Amino acid sequence: MLNKIYIKIMLLLVGAALVTGCEKSGLQPYTGGNTVGFWVHSINHSFYGEGVETLPKDTIVLDLAITGDVVDYDRHVDGTFILDAAGTEEKDLKNTAVEGKDYKILGGVVKANEEYGEFMVEVYNTDELKEKELKLNLAIKENEDFSVGLGENRSITITWSQKIMQPTTWRAMRFFFCSTYSTQVYKIFMQVTGLKEFYYYEGIVSVDEAYVMGRNFGNVLRAYEKEHGTPMLHDDGTAAGTPIVPLHYKRMIMKHSS
């Protein structure tokens, strides 16, 4: 991950600064023990296009990173749901999913000699999800391998539904498609790629492949405009009612004007 490389660099710089500071001031380096945390604070998972019969359940894989020592054996990561604070409303971060009925926490692992790991949660598809969303607030639980780390990295909110949901990776994906998100934009993305999201910086989809997807995205919009005599519009979001402008078009305009 690009994010992982960036964080590695930052950790090295911070570590170098701490070592230098320790040499000058006599301070001891960090010895806070081994902790593990999530990369992101929230994630959306959509069963869009899949009924209970075709996809009764799915596994959400969450990225983990450790703080502390790399060891030569596998370490396990445990999790638990976070109880709602008194007065929490459903429109905020209230749990609406029931363990056993709507999901199962599978746990995670950081493999031997690795700094990163994966945590898995199994979520179940139901007919109710056609019209509603389910939400789980999950936290890492201390065990014999890891203590609890920073609060902001310890927990994550998982939301899933059969409705179209904006993927949490859109901030990276949008570079190839459209700077403004709407449900219509996402539908075209899924149409031209056959995917719900991707991580181009992990090698799952190369940058060149992503650019091809972006051109295909633009071709769909160009064909629509040619057929209807008017551009396709955003159907919701901040730009509702305005034309969808693919970034591929913008690059072509910049290229020809330079």
Protein backbone atom coordinates (compact mmCIF):
# COMPACT_ATOMS: atom_id res chain seq x y z
CA MET A 1 0.00 0.00 0.00
CA LEU A 2 1.12 3.54 -0.75
CA ASN A 3 -0.24 4.51 2.67
CA LYS A 4 1.84 1.77 4.27
CA ILE A 5 5.02 2.96 2.53
CA TYR A 6 4.30 6.54 3.62
CA ILE A 7 3.72 5.51 7.22
CA LYS A 8 6.90 3.42 7.20
CA ILE A 9 8.89 6.48 6.09
CA MET A 10 7.26 8.65 8.75
CA LEU A 11 7.97 6.06 11.44
CA LEU A 12 11.60 5.86 10.35
CA LEU A 13 11.93 9.65 10.47
CA VAL A 14 10.27 9.84 13.87
CA GLY A 15 12.45 6.99 15.09
CA ALA A 16 15.60 8.73 13.89
CA ALA A 17 14.52 11.93 15.61
CA LEU A 18 13.86 10.06 18.84
CA VAL A 19 17.24 8.35 18.73
CA THR A 20 18.98 11.68 18.11
CA GLY A 21 17.00 13.27 20.92
CA CYS A 22 17.86 10.43 23.27
CA GLU A 23 21.56 10.76 22.50
CA LYS A 24 21.44 14.47 23.26
CA SER A 25 19.14 14.47 26.28
CA GLY A 26 19.68 11.02 27.77
CA LEU A 27 15.99 10.10 27.28
CA GLN A 28 15.12 6.42 26.86
CA PRO A 29 13.53 5.21 23.59
CA TYR A 30 9.87 4.18 23.43
CA THR A 31 9.12 0.94 25.29
CA GLY A 32 5.32 0.96 25.22
CA GLY A 33 4.94 -2.71 24.32
CA ASN A 34 3.36 -4.35 21.31
CA THR A 35 0.07 -2.94 20.05
CA VAL A 36 -1.95 -3.35 16.87
CA GLY A 37 -4.49 -1.09 15.17
CA PHE A 38 -6.73 -0.68 12.14
CA TRP A 39 -5.67 1.41 9.13
CA VAL A 40 -9.01 3.14 8.74
CA HIS A 41 -11.80 4.24 11.08
CA SER A 42 -14.77 3.20 8.95
CA ILE A 43 -15.61 0.96 6.02
CA ASN A 44 -18.69 0.39 3.84
CA HIS A 45 -19.51 -2.99 2.35
CA SER A 46 -22.23 -3.38 -0.26
CA PHE A 47 -24.08 -6.55 -1.27
CA TYR A 48 -25.41 -4.54 -4.23
CA GLY A 49 -26.54 -6.84 -7.05
CA GLU A 50 -26.44 -9.92 -4.81
CA GLY A 51 -29.49 -11.45 -3.16
CA VAL A 52 -29.48 -13.81 -0.20
CA GLU A 53 -29.58 -16.81 -2.54
CA THR A 54 -26.55 -15.77 -4.61
CA LEU A 55 -24.40 -14.39 -1.79
CA PRO A 56 -25.72 -15.27 1.69
CA LYS A 57 -22.59 -14.02 3.45
CA ASP A 58 -19.31 -12.29 2.76
CA THR A 59 -16.02 -11.74 4.57
CA ILE A 60 -14.74 -8.22 5.17
CA VAL A 61 -10.94 -8.07 5.45
CA LEU A 62 -9.52 -5.17 7.46
CA ASP A 63 -5.87 -4.11 7.33
CA LEU A 64 -3.85 -4.07 10.55
CA ALA A 65 -0.49 -2.54 11.51
CA ILE A 66 1.61 -3.14 14.60
CA THR A 67 3.56 -0.81 16.83
CA GLY A 68 6.40 -2.56 18.59
CA ASP A 69 8.48 -5.60 17.80
CA VAL A 70 8.44 -7.86 14.76
CA VAL A 71 8.64 -11.46 16.00
CA ASP A 72 9.29 -14.86 14.43
CA TYR A 73 5.88 -16.39 15.18
CA ASP A 74 2.25 -15.70 14.24
CA ARG A 75 0.33 -13.41 16.59
CA HIS A 76 -3.45 -13.38 16.87
CA VAL A 77 -5.72 -10.34 17.15
CA ASP A 78 -9.03 -10.50 19.03
CA GLY A 79 -11.98 -8.14 18.64
CA THR A 80 -15.25 -7.26 20.28
CA PHE A 81 -18.21 -4.99 19.58
CA ILE A 82 -18.31 -1.63 21.33
CA LEU A 83 -21.31 -1.01 23.54
CA ASP A 84 -23.30 2.08 22.61
CA ALA A 85 -22.85 5.03 24.91
CA ALA A 86 -25.99 6.23 26.65
CA GLY A 87 -28.00 8.53 24.39
CA THR A 88 -26.38 7.38 21.14
CA GLU A 89 -28.86 7.72 18.27
CA GLU A 90 -29.08 5.36 15.30
CA LYS A 91 -28.28 8.17 12.85
CA ASP A 92 -24.93 8.53 14.57
CA LEU A 93 -22.76 5.49 15.30
CA LYS A 94 -25.23 3.22 17.06
CA ASN A 95 -24.85 -0.53 16.63
CA THR A 96 -27.75 -1.96 14.63
CA ALA A 97 -26.26 -5.39 13.90
CA VAL A 98 -26.66 -8.38 16.22
CA GLU A 99 -23.79 -10.80 16.71
CA GLY A 100 -24.63 -14.31 15.53
CA LYS A 101 -27.62 -13.10 13.54
CA ASP A 102 -25.99 -10.43 11.35
CA TYR A 103 -22.26 -11.01 11.70
CA LYS A 104 -19.48 -13.11 13.20
CA ILE A 105 -16.12 -11.77 14.36
CA LEU A 106 -13.46 -14.10 12.95
CA GLY A 107 -10.44 -12.30 14.37
CA GLY A 108 -7.10 -11.53 12.83
CA VAL A 109 -3.47 -12.50 12.58
CA VAL A 110 -0.12 -10.80 12.12
CA LYS A 111 2.11 -13.45 10.59
CA ALA A 112 5.67 -14.16 11.67
CA ASN A 113 8.22 -11.48 10.70
CA GLU A 114 5.47 -9.16 9.43
CA GLU A 115 4.56 -5.59 10.43
CA TYR A 116 1.08 -5.82 8.94
CA GLY A 117 -1.80 -8.22 9.27
CA GLU A 118 -5.47 -8.78 8.50
CA PHE A 119 -8.61 -8.90 10.62
CA MET A 120 -11.77 -10.59 9.30
CA VAL A 121 -15.46 -10.14 10.02
CA GLU A 122 -18.12 -12.32 8.39
CA VAL A 123 -21.29 -10.39 7.55
CA TYR A 124 -24.63 -11.92 6.54
CA ASN A 125 -26.92 -10.86 3.74
CA THR A 126 -30.66 -10.58 4.45
CA ASP A 127 -33.71 -9.34 2.56
CA GLU A 128 -33.94 -6.48 5.08
CA LEU A 129 -30.76 -5.03 3.62
CA LYS A 130 -32.58 -4.04 0.45
CA GLU A 131 -33.91 -1.01 2.32
CA LYS A 132 -31.69 -0.64 5.39
CA GLU A 133 -28.11 -0.63 6.57
CA LEU A 134 -26.53 -2.54 9.43
CA LYS A 135 -23.76 -1.08 11.53
CA LEU A 136 -21.15 -2.62 13.80
CA ASN A 137 -18.74 -0.72 16.00
CA LEU A 138 -15.75 -3.01 16.49
CA ALA A 139 -12.72 -2.69 18.75
CA ILE A 140 -9.50 -4.63 19.16
CA LYS A 141 -9.38 -6.51 22.45
CA GLU A 142 -6.23 -7.01 24.50
CA ASN A 143 -4.80 -10.54 24.51
CA GLU A 144 -1.52 -12.32 25.21
CA ASP A 145 0.01 -11.05 21.95
CA PHE A 146 -1.07 -7.40 21.87
CA SER A 147 -2.04 -4.71 24.32
CA VAL A 148 -4.54 -1.99 23.44
CA GLY A 149 -3.00 0.84 21.44
CA LEU A 150 -4.10 4.37 20.59
CA GLY A 151 -7.86 4.84 20.88
CA GLU A 152 -8.35 6.21 17.36
CA ASN A 153 -6.67 3.15 15.80
CA ARG A 154 -8.27 0.61 18.09
CA SER A 155 -11.79 0.82 16.70
CA ILE A 156 -13.62 0.79 13.37
CA THR A 157 -17.21 1.22 12.21
CA ILE A 158 -18.42 -1.31 9.63
CA THR A 159 -21.61 -0.63 7.66
CA TRP A 160 -23.19 -3.01 5.15
CA SER A 161 -26.31 -3.15 2.99
CA GLN A 162 -27.72 -4.29 -0.36
CA LYS A 163 -28.03 -0.63 -1.25
CA ILE A 164 -25.31 1.09 -3.24
CA MET A 165 -22.79 2.48 -0.76
CA GLN A 166 -19.85 4.70 -1.53
CA PRO A 167 -16.69 2.60 -1.14
CA THR A 168 -14.26 3.86 1.46
CA THR A 169 -11.49 3.59 -1.15
CA TRP A 170 -13.19 6.13 -3.45
CA ARG A 171 -10.77 8.90 -2.49
CA ALA A 172 -8.05 6.96 -4.29
CA MET A 173 -10.22 5.50 -7.04
CA ARG A 174 -11.74 8.83 -8.08
CA PHE A 175 -8.43 9.96 -9.59
CA PHE A 176 -9.18 7.79 -12.63
CA PHE A 177 -12.91 8.41 -13.00
CA CYS A 178 -14.65 11.51 -11.63
CA SER A 179 -13.70 13.97 -8.93
CA THR A 180 -17.31 14.18 -7.71
CA TYR A 181 -19.09 11.12 -6.34
CA SER A 182 -22.71 10.21 -6.97
CA THR A 183 -24.64 6.95 -7.15
CA GLN A 184 -24.76 7.25 -10.95
CA VAL A 185 -20.98 7.64 -11.13
CA TYR A 186 -20.52 4.53 -9.02
CA LYS A 187 -22.97 2.54 -11.14
CA ILE A 188 -20.98 3.34 -14.28
CA PHE A 189 -17.74 2.46 -12.49
CA MET A 190 -19.12 -0.98 -11.59
CA GLN A 191 -20.47 -1.40 -15.12
CA VAL A 192 -17.13 -0.77 -16.87
CA THR A 193 -14.86 -2.52 -14.35
CA GLY A 194 -16.93 -5.41 -12.99
CA LEU A 195 -15.57 -4.39 -9.59
CA LYS A 196 -16.98 -2.69 -6.51
CA GLU A 197 -13.66 -1.09 -5.58
CA PHE A 198 -9.93 -1.58 -5.99
CA TYR A 199 -6.57 -0.71 -4.47
CA TYR A 200 -4.42 0.34 -7.41
CA TYR A 201 -1.42 0.88 -5.16
CA GLU A 202 -1.42 -2.74 -3.94
CA GLY A 203 -0.80 -4.28 -7.32
CA ILE A 204 -4.31 -5.71 -7.49
CA VAL A 205 -4.98 -3.22 -10.30
CA SER A 206 -2.01 -1.52 -11.92
CA VAL A 207 -2.00 2.20 -12.65
CA ASP A 208 -2.06 1.49 -16.39
CA GLU A 209 -5.08 -0.80 -15.96
CA ALA A 210 -6.81 1.90 -13.91
CA TYR A 211 -6.25 4.44 -16.69
CA VAL A 212 -7.84 2.03 -19.16
CA MET A 213 -10.83 1.71 -16.83
CA GLY A 214 -11.01 5.50 -16.71
CA ARG A 215 -11.10 5.73 -20.50
CA ASN A 216 -13.87 3.11 -20.60
CA PHE A 217 -15.76 5.14 -18.01
CA GLY A 218 -15.46 8.22 -20.20
CA ASN A 219 -16.52 6.28 -23.29
CA VAL A 220 -19.79 5.26 -21.64
CA LEU A 221 -20.59 8.90 -20.87
CA ARG A 222 -19.58 10.02 -24.37
CA ALA A 223 -21.83 7.35 -25.95
CA TYR A 224 -24.73 8.42 -23.73
CA GLU A 225 -24.31 12.08 -24.71
CA LYS A 226 -24.10 11.20 -28.40
CA GLU A 227 -27.28 9.11 -28.20
CA HIS A 228 -29.36 11.51 -26.10
CA GLY A 229 -27.92 14.84 -27.16
CA THR A 230 -27.29 15.80 -23.54
CA PRO A 231 -24.71 14.76 -20.94
CA MET A 232 -25.53 12.26 -18.21
CA LEU A 233 -26.24 13.97 -14.88
CA HIS A 234 -25.34 13.24 -11.30
CA ASP A 235 -28.44 11.76 -9.66
CA ASP A 236 -27.63 12.65 -6.05
CA GLY A 237 -24.93 14.09 -3.83
CA THR A 238 -23.47 17.58 -3.83
CA ALA A 239 -23.54 17.86 -7.64
CA ALA A 240 -27.05 16.44 -8.21
CA GLY A 241 -28.49 17.65 -11.53
CA THR A 242 -25.15 18.71 -13.03
CA PRO A 243 -23.24 16.91 -15.83
CA ILE A 244 -20.89 14.06 -14.93
CA VAL A 245 -17.44 15.08 -16.19
CA PRO A 246 -14.96 12.18 -16.34
CA LEU A 247 -11.38 12.99 -15.44
CA HIS A 248 -10.33 11.35 -18.72
CA TYR A 249 -11.98 14.27 -20.57
CA LYS A 250 -10.15 16.78 -18.41
CA ARG A 251 -6.80 15.15 -19.19
CA MET A 252 -7.56 15.21 -22.92
CA ILE A 253 -8.46 18.91 -22.76
CA MET A 254 -5.28 19.72 -20.81
CA LYS A 255 -3.19 17.67 -23.24
CA HIS A 256 -4.57 19.38 -26.34
CA SER A 257 -4.35 22.87 -24.81
CA SER A 258 -0.70 22.49 -23.82
